[in-house]
Every structure is written in structure tokens, then in C-alpha cells.
Amino acid sequence: MPDRSWNKMAQPPRLLALVEQVLADINELGLKPGQRYLTSEQLAHALGVRKATANRALQVLANRGVLIRKPRLGTLIADPAESISQPAIADIHLIVRADYLRAEGRYAEDTLVGLRRAIPGAAVMVHFLPEHDAGAYVQRTINDSMRGTTPQGLVLVRSSLSIQRLVQDSGLPAVIHGGAYPGVTRLPWLNIDNESIGRIQFDYMHQRGCKRIVLLRSDTHAAGDADCWRGLCAAGAGARWLADSIIPADTAPFAEQVDAVLSLYLDSKTTSSTTGIIASSEKLADLACEALRRRGLTPGSDVQLTINTVHREGNQSPPSLPHIRMGMAPGEQGEALGRMLLHRTTQSDEAPMQEMIEPVLVDVN
């Protein structure tokens, strides 16, 4: 193999910079499929980095299908023709908060189904983040993926800034289901425009003469609902008659909590007729309907009541209340995430794909 003119750096390069150096070296040397490349030890010596860092860089390129790592044979240049028959991603690591399945319900299930449709044959492993040391847990997941012999991919669901940075720096193919934080520029994402939901809901309530608007939400949906609240405030220019009511999901009985919150704003027939309630989920909307009926009030006529972010697949019946519907169903979102992840395995040097899901208000009254 020809001599290299690499200069050892005063400070070790970041992993992705090292990966790009290796790619450039392979292209400059004109190596063909089946030819040997440097071992982890040789690469570490050439660049003046730790052997573990060099090994991670080689594994990233193996995950991308550029290299093949075989016991006793070493690191070889992959044959693109042979890699076509191999799965682009064998294992998908879905990293979610501990209450993901309970809080998201059918939405989470349908998203997973769509993800599997987009990458058939891939094993989907759900990782529930611990309450403490979530970063260390994700780093162990990344390290295990690096040591794997099959292509790996990660899906981050509404993750924190620190976790997004960890995954971005790993170089593994990954996609964010939710918004990317400032500075996280190399990961594709698919997100719901929750601030637009707030603006749409405000306009709907304002047009119906509401003088007070209450956002009724559970603390388990804090991320998207916080954005919705910002949209409400922006549309209402900080109006004093906006109220944000957060109900702890672990406080029982839940129905009594909803009833107690509504009693703060429905103290008379007059205030009821000018009050609008935005429920962040269908469950909260059902409980709000029950509380209203116990007071002799009819949703839609005596009190305006709408629902945020209703998810439906196929021929499922829509709710009987005005609601926000996404322009992309949960299963379609899963498929989009899968396509983004596959694209990342082959086009890692391109700008990451980004897509915002636009909301539409469905008025059933």
C-alpha cells in the first residue's frame, strides 16, 4: 500500500472528521473491492489517535457499506454489487423516554408499523431511557452498535440536546422524530409543526367569540404541547385570557383532576359561553366532555371544545369534536423515518433531510 502523507494532529480529530479522512484516503489510493485497508492499530498510528477511536471510524464506514471487517482477514474494501443483496440496516434502535408507549398509545404502535414497512427485515429494538444517566445509557447503545457486525441505525424520539449531540458525533445513521436542537445539523428529522397548531386553535376560538382559552394538557405530553402553547401566545399576542392547565398524569383519579381544573373557568353560564377548551388528547377531551355534561353544558354550543393532534389510520372513524389532523398519518410518519434512515446510510455526505408535518383543523360542527 502506498505511503501516506498524513500529518498527526496536535489535537485528535472528531470522529466524523476522521471518517472523512479515511474516505478521502481510500479514494486517493484508488483501492478496489476486496483489497485490504489499514487495521485499527495502523490507522491509529498513522493519525495519532487512540486505537478505539480508529476502530470506531472503521466501524462507521462498515455500517455505511464502504468497508467489510472479517475475522482473520482484516478490513477490506466492500464490493457495491455484493452489498446490494445485504440489508442496508439490520438493526434499528428506537430510543424513547420511559413512558413512550403509555403516553403515545396507538400513535406509537402505528409509527413502528410504518418504520418496519419502510425497512422490511430489520429488527426494531426499543430502548427506554432511564430517569438518571440517560446519556451514559445512550453512549453504551452507541458503543454496542459500533461493535456489531451488521449495519445499525438509530431513531431518536423527541430526545434531549445532549442525546442528539452524542448520536450526531457517533457517525451512525440516525434520524430524529421530533425537532432538532440548534447545533444539531447533521441528523435528518421529521417533526410536527406544533406552534402552527396553537395559532390555528387560537384563530378558531377567537372567531367563535371566546374571551378565554384554556389549554388542557397532561404533563406526559410536555414537548409538543409546550410548542402549541407558544403558538397560542404568539397568535394572542400574550393575551391575559390564555390559560395553560397541566394535569399530572400520575395523580389519581385523573377524571377528578380534569373536573377540578374546569371548575376554575366555568363558574357561570356567561363565562362558559365565552370559554374555549383545547384538549391535548382524545382522553382529556372525553373527560372534559363528561365534566361539562355534569354541569348541564353541551360541548360545541355552550362551551367550545377542540382536540389537538388526532391520529387516524385507514378507515377509522374521526372524533365527533373539532380536531387537528396531521397531513401525515402515524404509519406514514414511520415510513418517512425509515426512508430518511436508509438515505442516511448511502448519502451521509449530503445535507440531512428535514420535513415538517403541517396540521389541518377539521371542524365537525
Protein backbone atom coordinates (compact mmCIF):
# COMPACT_ATOMS: atom_id res chain seq x y z
CA MET A 1 0.00 0.00 0.00
CA PRO A 2 1.46 3.45 -0.89
CA ASP A 3 2.88 5.69 1.81
CA ARG A 4 0.60 8.33 3.20
CA SER A 5 1.34 11.98 3.76
CA TRP A 6 -1.00 12.32 6.74
CA ASN A 7 0.17 14.63 9.46
CA LYS A 8 -0.55 13.70 13.03
CA MET A 9 -2.75 16.38 14.55
CA ALA A 10 -1.91 18.34 17.67
CA GLN A 11 -5.40 17.50 18.89
CA PRO A 12 -7.30 14.32 17.97
CA PRO A 13 -9.90 14.91 15.23
CA ARG A 14 -13.59 14.42 15.91
CA LEU A 15 -14.90 11.05 14.78
CA LEU A 16 -16.72 12.30 11.69
CA ALA A 17 -13.67 14.28 10.57
CA LEU A 18 -11.62 11.10 10.92
CA VAL A 19 -14.19 9.16 8.89
CA GLU A 20 -13.94 11.74 6.11
CA GLN A 21 -10.13 11.46 6.15
CA VAL A 22 -10.35 7.70 5.74
CA LEU A 23 -12.82 8.05 2.86
CA ALA A 24 -10.54 10.53 1.15
CA ASP A 25 -7.58 8.18 1.64
CA ILE A 26 -9.46 5.24 0.09
CA ASN A 27 -10.40 7.34 -2.93
CA GLU A 28 -6.90 8.80 -3.33
CA LEU A 29 -5.30 5.36 -3.26
CA GLY A 30 -7.85 4.02 -5.75
CA LEU A 31 -8.45 0.88 -3.73
CA LYS A 32 -10.67 -1.74 -5.36
CA PRO A 33 -13.25 -4.10 -3.79
CA GLY A 34 -11.55 -6.91 -1.91
CA GLN A 35 -8.29 -5.04 -1.30
CA ARG A 36 -7.07 -4.66 2.25
CA TYR A 37 -7.19 -1.43 4.16
CA LEU A 38 -5.45 -0.40 7.36
CA THR A 39 -6.13 -2.15 10.62
CA SER A 40 -7.34 -0.17 13.60
CA GLU A 41 -3.83 -0.19 15.04
CA GLN A 42 -2.26 1.01 11.77
CA LEU A 43 -4.84 3.77 11.33
CA ALA A 44 -4.39 4.91 14.92
CA HIS A 45 -0.61 5.13 14.45
CA ALA A 46 -0.96 6.99 11.13
CA LEU A 47 -3.25 9.66 12.53
CA GLY A 48 -2.02 9.83 16.09
CA VAL A 49 -5.33 8.83 17.66
CA ARG A 50 -6.33 6.12 20.10
CA LYS A 51 -6.93 2.65 18.69
CA ALA A 52 -10.52 2.72 19.99
CA THR A 53 -11.19 5.94 18.03
CA ALA A 54 -9.72 4.48 14.86
CA ASN A 55 -11.78 1.34 15.35
CA ARG A 56 -14.99 3.41 15.65
CA ALA A 57 -14.19 5.25 12.41
CA LEU A 58 -13.69 1.97 10.55
CA GLN A 59 -16.93 0.61 12.00
CA VAL A 60 -18.84 3.68 10.83
CA LEU A 61 -17.63 3.02 7.29
CA ALA A 62 -18.51 -0.66 7.66
CA ASN A 63 -22.05 0.37 8.64
CA ARG A 64 -22.19 2.55 5.54
CA GLY A 65 -21.17 -0.37 3.33
CA VAL A 66 -17.79 1.14 2.36
CA LEU A 67 -15.70 -1.42 4.23
CA ILE A 68 -16.05 -5.06 5.27
CA ARG A 69 -14.49 -6.27 8.50
CA LYS A 70 -13.83 -10.01 8.68
CA PRO A 71 -12.10 -12.06 11.36
CA ARG A 72 -8.55 -13.11 10.37
CA LEU A 73 -8.88 -11.27 7.04
CA GLY A 74 -8.92 -7.74 8.42
CA THR A 75 -10.58 -4.69 6.88
CA LEU A 76 -11.42 -4.93 3.17
CA ILE A 77 -12.93 -2.57 0.63
CA ALA A 78 -16.56 -3.56 0.10
CA ASP A 79 -17.98 -4.54 -3.28
CA PRO A 80 -21.02 -2.33 -4.06
CA ALA A 81 -22.53 -5.10 -6.18
CA GLU A 82 -22.44 -7.54 -3.28
CA SER A 83 -23.73 -5.01 -0.79
CA ILE A 84 -26.97 -4.63 -2.76
CA SER A 85 -28.05 -8.09 -1.56
CA GLN A 86 -27.25 -7.19 2.05
CA PRO A 87 -29.74 -5.26 4.20
CA ALA A 88 -28.88 -1.57 4.38
CA ILE A 89 -29.88 -1.65 8.05
CA ALA A 90 -30.17 -4.86 10.04
CA ASP A 91 -30.99 -3.41 13.45
CA ILE A 92 -32.93 -0.25 14.31
CA HIS A 93 -32.50 1.16 17.81
CA LEU A 94 -35.54 3.23 18.79
CA ILE A 95 -34.54 5.48 21.71
CA VAL A 96 -37.54 6.78 23.63
CA ARG A 97 -38.49 8.11 27.04
CA ALA A 98 -39.72 5.63 29.65
CA ASP A 99 -43.42 6.45 29.22
CA TYR A 100 -43.39 6.47 25.41
CA LEU A 101 -45.75 3.56 24.76
CA ARG A 102 -48.14 4.53 27.55
CA ALA A 103 -48.22 8.22 26.62
CA GLU A 104 -48.35 7.85 22.84
CA GLY A 105 -50.56 4.74 22.66
CA ARG A 106 -51.85 3.86 19.20
CA TYR A 107 -49.76 6.62 17.64
CA ALA A 108 -46.54 4.88 18.77
CA GLU A 109 -47.74 1.48 17.57
CA ASP A 110 -48.71 2.74 14.11
CA THR A 111 -45.41 4.63 13.76
CA LEU A 112 -43.49 1.42 14.48
CA VAL A 113 -45.55 -0.45 11.89
CA GLY A 114 -44.68 2.18 9.28
CA LEU A 115 -41.00 2.03 10.20
CA ARG A 116 -41.00 -1.73 9.67
CA ARG A 117 -42.75 -1.32 6.32
CA ALA A 118 -40.02 1.04 5.14
CA ILE A 119 -37.17 -1.28 6.22
CA PRO A 120 -38.55 -4.83 5.99
CA GLY A 121 -36.48 -7.49 7.69
CA ALA A 122 -34.81 -5.08 10.10
CA ALA A 123 -35.10 -5.85 13.80
CA VAL A 124 -36.54 -2.93 15.79
CA MET A 125 -35.29 -2.69 19.38
CA VAL A 126 -36.96 -0.19 21.70
CA HIS A 127 -34.65 1.41 24.28
CA PHE A 128 -36.41 3.12 27.19
CA LEU A 129 -34.27 5.88 28.64
CA PRO A 130 -33.62 5.63 32.37
CA GLU A 131 -34.56 8.53 34.60
CA HIS A 132 -30.92 9.06 35.54
CA ASP A 133 -27.74 8.81 33.43
CA ALA A 134 -29.64 8.74 30.14
CA GLY A 135 -26.55 9.99 28.31
CA ALA A 136 -24.42 7.13 29.60
CA TYR A 137 -27.12 4.66 28.56
CA VAL A 138 -27.21 6.05 25.01
CA GLN A 139 -23.41 6.01 24.82
CA ARG A 140 -23.43 2.30 25.71
CA THR A 141 -26.02 1.71 22.99
CA ILE A 142 -23.79 3.53 20.51
CA ASN A 143 -20.73 1.53 21.58
CA ASP A 144 -22.62 -1.76 21.23
CA SER A 145 -23.77 -0.71 17.76
CA MET A 146 -20.21 0.12 16.77
CA ARG A 147 -19.06 -3.34 17.80
CA GLY A 148 -21.80 -5.04 15.82
CA THR A 149 -21.05 -6.87 12.59
CA THR A 150 -24.28 -5.80 10.85
CA PRO A 151 -25.47 -2.31 9.78
CA GLN A 152 -27.11 -0.39 12.61
CA GLY A 153 -29.39 2.66 12.69
CA LEU A 154 -30.90 4.84 15.41
CA VAL A 155 -34.25 6.67 15.71
CA LEU A 156 -34.45 9.34 18.42
CA VAL A 157 -37.97 10.21 19.56
CA ARG A 158 -38.27 13.73 20.99
CA SER A 159 -34.81 13.46 22.52
CA SER A 160 -32.74 15.92 24.53
CA LEU A 161 -29.97 18.11 23.18
CA SER A 162 -27.25 16.06 24.88
CA ILE A 163 -28.51 12.79 23.37
CA GLN A 164 -28.83 14.33 19.90
CA ARG A 165 -25.24 15.52 20.12
CA LEU A 166 -24.00 12.11 21.26
CA VAL A 167 -25.66 10.36 18.33
CA GLN A 168 -24.59 13.01 15.82
CA ASP A 169 -20.96 12.69 16.91
CA SER A 170 -21.12 8.88 16.68
CA GLY A 171 -21.44 8.97 12.90
CA LEU A 172 -24.03 6.19 12.94
CA PRO A 173 -27.01 6.55 10.59
CA ALA A 174 -29.73 8.20 12.66
CA VAL A 175 -32.92 10.21 12.36
CA ILE A 176 -34.88 12.37 14.81
CA HIS A 177 -38.65 12.01 15.24
CA GLY A 178 -39.21 15.50 16.59
CA GLY A 179 -37.28 18.73 16.37
CA ALA A 180 -33.51 19.05 16.17
CA TYR A 181 -31.86 21.47 18.57
CA PRO A 182 -29.66 24.34 17.36
CA GLY A 183 -26.22 22.98 16.58
CA VAL A 184 -27.55 19.54 15.60
CA THR A 185 -27.21 19.98 11.86
CA ARG A 186 -26.12 16.56 10.60
CA LEU A 187 -29.16 14.50 11.58
CA PRO A 188 -32.35 14.34 9.48
CA TRP A 189 -35.62 14.99 11.28
CA LEU A 190 -39.38 14.68 10.92
CA ASN A 191 -41.43 16.96 13.14
CA ILE A 192 -44.99 18.15 13.74
CA ASP A 193 -45.49 21.90 13.46
CA ASN A 194 -46.95 22.26 16.95
CA GLU A 195 -46.65 26.05 17.01
CA SER A 196 -48.91 26.20 13.95
CA ILE A 197 -51.40 24.06 15.88
CA GLY A 198 -51.50 26.73 18.57
CA ARG A 199 -52.07 29.50 16.05
CA ILE A 200 -54.81 27.55 14.25
CA GLN A 201 -56.57 26.75 17.51
CA PHE A 202 -56.43 30.39 18.63
CA ASP A 203 -57.94 31.61 15.37
CA TYR A 204 -60.73 29.02 15.62
CA MET A 205 -61.63 30.01 19.19
CA HIS A 206 -61.33 33.74 18.54
CA GLN A 207 -63.67 33.55 15.54
CA ARG A 208 -66.28 31.95 17.80
CA GLY A 209 -66.20 34.77 20.31
CA CYS A 210 -64.18 33.07 23.02
CA LYS A 211 -62.85 35.52 25.60
CA ARG A 212 -60.89 32.88 27.47
CA ILE A 213 -58.93 29.93 26.02
CA VAL A 214 -57.73 27.05 28.19
CA LEU A 215 -55.09 24.56 27.03
CA LEU A 216 -55.82 21.33 28.93
CA ARG A 217 -52.83 19.01 28.84
CA SER A 218 -51.10 16.21 30.70
CA ASP A 219 -47.50 16.56 31.82
CA THR A 220 -46.60 13.43 29.80
CA HIS A 221 -47.04 15.38 26.54
CA ALA A 222 -44.95 18.37 27.57
CA ALA A 223 -42.73 18.69 24.48
CA GLY A 224 -45.28 19.21 21.70
CA ASP A 225 -47.81 20.94 23.93
CA ALA A 226 -45.21 23.48 25.04
CA ASP A 227 -44.74 24.42 21.39
CA CYS A 228 -48.53 24.61 20.97
CA TRP A 229 -48.69 26.97 23.95
CA ARG A 230 -46.06 29.20 22.34
CA GLY A 231 -48.15 29.30 19.18
CA LEU A 232 -51.24 30.26 21.18
CA CYS A 233 -49.36 33.05 22.93
CA ALA A 234 -47.90 34.32 19.67
CA ALA A 235 -51.31 34.39 18.00
CA GLY A 236 -52.92 36.05 21.00
CA ALA A 237 -50.03 38.50 21.44
CA GLY A 238 -49.71 37.43 25.07
CA ALA A 239 -53.40 37.96 25.86
CA ARG A 240 -54.14 37.67 29.56
CA TRP A 241 -57.10 35.38 28.96
CA LEU A 242 -54.96 32.44 27.85
CA ALA A 243 -54.66 29.70 30.50
CA ASP A 244 -52.28 26.73 30.48
CA SER A 245 -53.52 23.90 32.73
CA ILE A 246 -51.16 20.97 33.22
CA ILE A 247 -52.53 17.85 34.89
CA PRO A 248 -50.03 15.39 36.44
CA ALA A 249 -50.65 12.03 34.79
CA ASP A 250 -49.62 10.12 37.91
CA THR A 251 -52.19 11.86 40.11
CA ALA A 252 -55.32 9.77 40.66
CA PRO A 253 -58.15 9.94 39.98
CA PHE A 254 -57.44 11.60 36.65
CA ALA A 255 -61.09 12.47 35.92
CA GLU A 256 -61.36 14.44 39.16
CA GLN A 257 -58.26 16.42 38.24
CA VAL A 258 -59.85 17.45 34.94
CA ASP A 259 -63.11 18.35 36.67
CA ALA A 260 -61.27 20.49 39.23
CA VAL A 261 -59.40 22.39 36.52
CA LEU A 262 -62.57 23.14 34.53
CA SER A 263 -64.35 24.36 37.63
CA LEU A 264 -61.84 27.21 37.79
CA TYR A 265 -63.02 28.58 34.43
CA LEU A 266 -66.69 27.57 34.21
CA ASP A 267 -68.12 29.44 37.17
CA SER A 268 -71.28 30.67 35.38
CA LYS A 269 -73.33 30.24 32.19
CA THR A 270 -71.95 33.53 30.90
CA THR A 271 -68.29 32.65 31.31
CA SER A 272 -68.95 29.15 29.93
CA SER A 273 -70.32 30.53 26.66
CA THR A 274 -67.19 32.60 26.11
CA THR A 275 -64.70 29.92 27.17
CA GLY A 276 -62.83 27.68 24.74
CA ILE A 277 -61.11 24.47 25.87
CA ILE A 278 -58.31 22.86 23.84
CA ALA A 279 -57.67 19.26 24.96
CA SER A 280 -54.23 17.92 24.07
CA SER A 281 -55.51 14.35 23.65
CA GLU A 282 -58.73 12.47 22.99
CA LYS A 283 -58.64 11.03 26.50
CA LEU A 284 -58.61 14.52 28.02
CA ALA A 285 -61.34 15.62 25.60
CA ASP A 286 -63.57 12.70 26.71
CA LEU A 287 -63.04 13.58 30.37
CA ALA A 288 -63.74 17.25 29.63
CA CYS A 289 -66.99 16.29 27.87
CA GLU A 290 -68.10 14.29 30.91
CA ALA A 291 -67.29 17.19 33.24
CA LEU A 292 -69.23 19.62 31.03
CA ARG A 293 -72.30 17.40 30.84
CA ARG A 294 -72.35 17.03 34.62
CA ARG A 295 -72.72 20.82 34.67
CA GLY A 296 -75.54 20.73 32.13
CA LEU A 297 -73.29 22.16 29.39
CA THR A 298 -73.10 20.92 25.81
CA PRO A 299 -69.70 20.83 24.07
CA GLY A 300 -69.75 22.83 20.85
CA SER A 301 -72.69 25.06 21.78
CA ASP A 302 -72.36 26.09 25.44
CA VAL A 303 -68.59 25.63 25.52
CA GLN A 304 -66.18 25.38 22.60
CA LEU A 305 -64.08 22.20 22.87
CA THR A 306 -61.44 21.06 20.41
CA ILE A 307 -58.75 18.36 20.33
CA ASN A 308 -55.10 18.63 19.40
CA THR A 309 -53.35 16.14 17.15
CA VAL A 310 -55.80 13.34 16.43
CA HIS A 311 -54.20 10.35 14.70
CA ARG A 312 -56.17 8.00 12.49
CA GLU A 313 -55.19 5.14 10.16
CA GLY A 314 -57.23 3.84 7.24
CA ASN A 315 -60.99 3.89 7.76
CA GLN A 316 -61.00 4.68 11.48
CA SER A 317 -63.87 6.98 12.44
CA PRO A 318 -62.91 10.57 13.28
CA PRO A 319 -63.87 12.09 16.65
CA SER A 320 -67.15 14.00 16.97
CA LEU A 321 -65.39 17.20 18.11
CA PRO A 322 -63.38 19.73 16.06
CA HIS A 323 -59.82 18.46 15.97
CA ILE A 324 -56.39 18.89 14.49
CA ARG A 325 -55.44 16.27 11.91
CA MET A 326 -51.91 15.81 10.68
CA GLY A 327 -51.15 15.90 6.98
CA MET A 328 -49.30 12.61 7.53
CA ALA A 329 -50.74 9.63 9.42
CA PRO A 330 -48.59 7.86 12.07
CA GLY A 331 -47.86 4.93 9.76
CA GLU A 332 -46.78 7.32 7.04
CA GLN A 333 -44.55 9.09 9.54
CA GLY A 334 -42.89 5.77 10.35
CA GLU A 335 -42.31 5.12 6.66
CA ALA A 336 -40.81 8.59 6.22
CA LEU A 337 -38.45 7.99 9.14
CA GLY A 338 -37.39 4.70 7.57
CA ARG A 339 -36.70 6.33 4.21
CA MET A 340 -34.64 9.05 5.88
CA LEU A 341 -32.64 6.43 7.77
CA LEU A 342 -31.95 4.42 4.62
CA HIS A 343 -30.96 7.57 2.76
CA ARG A 344 -28.51 8.40 5.55
CA THR A 345 -26.71 5.07 5.12
CA THR A 346 -25.85 5.80 1.49
CA GLN A 347 -25.79 9.61 1.28
CA SER A 348 -24.15 10.56 4.56
CA ASP A 349 -22.20 13.41 2.98
CA GLU A 350 -25.35 15.20 1.78
CA ALA A 351 -27.33 17.76 3.76
CA PRO A 352 -29.75 15.82 6.02
CA MET A 353 -33.38 15.55 5.02
CA GLN A 354 -35.86 17.65 7.00
CA GLU A 355 -39.64 17.57 6.90
CA MET A 356 -42.28 19.48 8.85
CA ILE A 357 -45.75 17.93 9.10
CA GLU A 358 -48.43 20.56 8.59
CA PRO A 359 -51.63 20.47 10.71
CA VAL A 360 -55.20 20.98 9.48
CA LEU A 361 -58.22 21.78 11.68
CA VAL A 362 -61.27 19.61 10.93
CA ASP A 363 -64.48 21.36 12.02
CA VAL A 364 -67.27 18.81 12.53
CA ASN A 365 -69.82 21.30 13.90
